[in-house]
Amino acid sequence: MTGAGRSVGGWAASPDRVAPWALRLTPVSSASSSVPTGVVATARAFTAHALAGVPDRTAAADAVLLVSELVANACQHAGGPDALQLVRRGRLLRIEVSDPSPRPPRLRRPYERPYRPGEQGGFGLFLVDRLAVAWGWRPEGGGKTVWCDLRLRDPAPR
């Protein structure tokens, strides 16, 4: 993905020239205190486009879902994401979402604390935990990067 950045849903999306599948997600107006809703859609579209040529369509769809969860978590708990990066190493795809909050992510399992009526969300990392081969986080500058790995399989013979 090359070219100048574009504005989608109040976010400037610009390809990172260092890594081919990296996207910096920065607010167009830093005066805004709320996170524009378009950032999750921008991240999903970027991921779908970046993985369009991956033969394992199920893993590509899972990657779009996991990107949605990680970016939505950054929006809800950290004021929005700073960057999204997809890195393919052999049969593994690493998804990384960086945000400005140093607080570690917290995995909630539905069987440890049941869902309460009227409660919105809260189990996104549970989906990440179930779909990914591995996931974790690391401190990054004053914030953190949350990552997960997906296994890419060869397409089934037809």
Protein backbone atom coordinates (compact mmCIF):
# COMPACT_ATOMS: atom_id res chain seq x y z
CA MET A 1 0.00 0.00 0.00
CA THR A 2 1.59 3.26 -1.04
CA GLY A 3 0.68 6.88 -1.51
CA ALA A 4 -0.43 9.76 0.64
CA GLY A 5 -2.55 9.29 3.72
CA ARG A 6 -6.31 9.59 3.54
CA SER A 7 -8.88 10.76 6.02
CA VAL A 8 -11.60 8.28 6.94
CA GLY A 9 -14.09 8.89 9.73
CA GLY A 10 -11.97 11.66 11.25
CA TRP A 11 -8.77 9.59 11.21
CA ALA A 12 -5.78 10.02 8.95
CA ALA A 13 -4.67 6.67 7.66
CA SER A 14 -1.21 6.68 6.19
CA PRO A 15 0.88 3.69 5.18
CA ASP A 16 4.10 3.21 7.10
CA ARG A 17 6.94 3.08 4.60
CA VAL A 18 9.06 0.84 6.84
CA ALA A 19 6.68 -2.15 6.95
CA PRO A 20 4.42 -3.02 4.01
CA TRP A 21 1.39 -3.80 6.16
CA ALA A 22 1.51 -0.99 8.71
CA LEU A 23 -0.97 1.79 9.25
CA ARG A 24 -0.63 4.80 11.52
CA LEU A 25 -3.99 5.85 12.90
CA THR A 26 -3.93 9.42 14.13
CA PRO A 27 -6.80 11.82 14.78
CA VAL A 28 -7.17 14.46 12.06
CA SER A 29 -7.99 17.02 14.77
CA SER A 30 -6.15 16.66 18.05
CA ALA A 31 -8.68 19.04 19.62
CA SER A 32 -11.30 16.29 19.61
CA SER A 33 -11.59 14.50 22.93
CA SER A 34 -13.76 11.66 21.62
CA VAL A 35 -12.68 8.85 19.35
CA PRO A 36 -14.24 9.05 15.87
CA THR A 37 -16.26 5.97 15.02
CA GLY A 38 -14.55 5.45 11.67
CA VAL A 39 -11.27 4.19 13.08
CA VAL A 40 -12.49 0.59 13.52
CA ALA A 41 -13.91 0.53 9.98
CA THR A 42 -10.67 2.05 8.64
CA ALA A 43 -8.60 -0.63 10.38
CA ARG A 44 -10.89 -3.41 9.12
CA ALA A 45 -10.74 -2.13 5.53
CA PHE A 46 -6.95 -1.81 5.71
CA THR A 47 -6.65 -5.38 7.02
CA ALA A 48 -9.02 -6.85 4.40
CA HIS A 49 -7.10 -5.06 1.64
CA ALA A 50 -3.68 -6.09 2.98
CA LEU A 51 -4.75 -9.74 3.26
CA ALA A 52 -6.69 -9.94 -0.02
CA GLY A 53 -4.05 -12.22 -1.56
CA VAL A 54 -3.74 -14.61 1.40
CA PRO A 55 -5.01 -18.05 0.29
CA ASP A 56 -6.37 -18.93 3.77
CA ARG A 57 -9.59 -16.89 3.56
CA THR A 58 -10.79 -18.12 6.97
CA ALA A 59 -7.65 -16.81 8.67
CA ALA A 60 -7.96 -13.53 6.74
CA ALA A 61 -11.57 -13.17 7.99
CA ASP A 62 -10.44 -14.02 11.53
CA ALA A 63 -7.73 -11.36 11.23
CA VAL A 64 -10.33 -8.72 10.30
CA LEU A 65 -12.41 -9.74 13.36
CA LEU A 66 -9.39 -9.62 15.69
CA VAL A 67 -8.28 -6.24 14.33
CA SER A 68 -11.81 -4.97 15.03
CA GLU A 69 -11.60 -6.18 18.63
CA LEU A 70 -8.11 -4.83 19.33
CA VAL A 71 -8.79 -1.44 17.75
CA ALA A 72 -12.18 -1.17 19.52
CA ASN A 73 -10.43 -1.95 22.83
CA ALA A 74 -7.90 0.81 22.14
CA CYS A 75 -10.81 3.19 21.44
CA GLN A 76 -12.72 2.24 24.56
CA HIS A 77 -9.87 2.02 27.06
CA ALA A 78 -7.02 4.16 25.70
CA GLY A 79 -8.54 7.05 23.77
CA GLY A 80 -7.87 5.41 20.40
CA PRO A 81 -5.12 3.50 18.64
CA ASP A 82 -1.84 4.97 17.42
CA ALA A 83 -0.94 2.27 14.93
CA LEU A 84 -1.93 -1.07 13.43
CA GLN A 85 0.66 -3.42 12.03
CA LEU A 86 0.29 -6.79 10.30
CA VAL A 87 3.44 -8.87 10.01
CA ARG A 88 3.59 -12.21 8.20
CA ARG A 89 6.34 -14.61 9.18
CA GLY A 90 6.00 -17.90 7.33
CA ARG A 91 2.70 -19.42 8.41
CA LEU A 92 2.08 -16.90 11.21
CA LEU A 93 0.36 -13.54 10.93
CA ARG A 94 1.04 -11.13 13.80
CA ILE A 95 -1.47 -8.34 14.43
CA GLU A 96 -0.23 -5.43 16.55
CA VAL A 97 -2.28 -2.47 17.79
CA SER A 98 -0.46 0.29 19.67
CA ASP A 99 -2.16 2.82 21.91
CA PRO A 100 -1.12 5.59 24.31
CA SER A 101 -2.28 3.91 27.55
CA PRO A 102 0.24 2.04 29.72
CA ARG A 103 -2.56 0.00 31.36
CA PRO A 104 -2.32 -3.70 30.47
CA PRO A 105 -5.28 -5.38 28.77
CA ARG A 106 -7.47 -7.54 31.00
CA LEU A 107 -8.90 -10.85 29.79
CA ARG A 108 -12.42 -11.55 31.05
CA ARG A 109 -13.78 -15.04 30.60
CA PRO A 110 -17.59 -15.38 30.48
CA TYR A 111 -17.53 -18.45 32.73
CA GLU A 112 -15.63 -16.53 35.45
CA ARG A 113 -18.11 -13.64 35.56
CA PRO A 114 -21.30 -14.12 33.59
CA TYR A 115 -22.62 -11.56 31.17
CA ARG A 116 -25.03 -9.14 32.83
CA PRO A 117 -28.16 -7.90 31.03
CA GLY A 118 -27.60 -4.42 29.61
CA GLU A 119 -23.82 -4.81 29.68
CA GLN A 120 -22.11 -3.85 26.44
CA GLY A 121 -18.91 -5.58 25.45
CA GLY A 122 -16.28 -6.82 27.81
CA PHE A 123 -15.36 -10.11 26.18
CA GLY A 124 -13.38 -9.00 23.12
CA LEU A 125 -10.09 -10.32 24.48
CA PHE A 126 -11.84 -13.63 25.12
CA LEU A 127 -12.44 -13.85 21.35
CA VAL A 128 -8.80 -12.95 20.73
CA ASP A 129 -7.73 -15.63 23.23
CA ARG A 130 -9.92 -18.26 21.51
CA LEU A 131 -9.00 -17.47 17.88
CA ALA A 132 -5.31 -16.62 18.17
CA VAL A 133 -2.44 -19.06 18.59
CA ALA A 134 -0.98 -16.65 21.14
CA TRP A 135 -1.53 -13.08 22.31
CA GLY A 136 0.07 -10.64 24.69
CA TRP A 137 1.21 -7.07 25.20
CA ARG A 138 4.38 -5.10 25.72
CA PRO A 139 5.16 -1.58 26.94
CA GLU A 140 5.87 0.79 24.07
CA GLY A 141 7.03 4.33 24.78
CA GLY A 142 4.49 5.71 27.24
CA GLY A 143 1.79 3.31 26.03
CA LYS A 144 1.59 -0.30 24.94
CA THR A 145 1.25 -2.64 21.98
CA VAL A 146 -1.26 -5.50 22.14
CA TRP A 147 -0.49 -8.32 19.72
CA CYS A 148 -1.89 -11.66 18.62
CA ASP A 149 -0.70 -14.38 16.26
CA LEU A 150 -2.87 -16.28 13.77
CA ARG A 151 -1.81 -19.44 12.00
CA LEU A 152 -2.16 -19.32 8.21
CA ARG A 153 -2.96 -22.68 6.61
CA ASP A 154 -2.54 -23.81 3.06
CA PRO A 155 -5.84 -23.73 1.18
CA ALA A 156 -7.65 -27.08 1.01
CA PRO A 157 -7.13 -28.90 -2.29
CA ARG A 158 -10.12 -28.67 -4.62
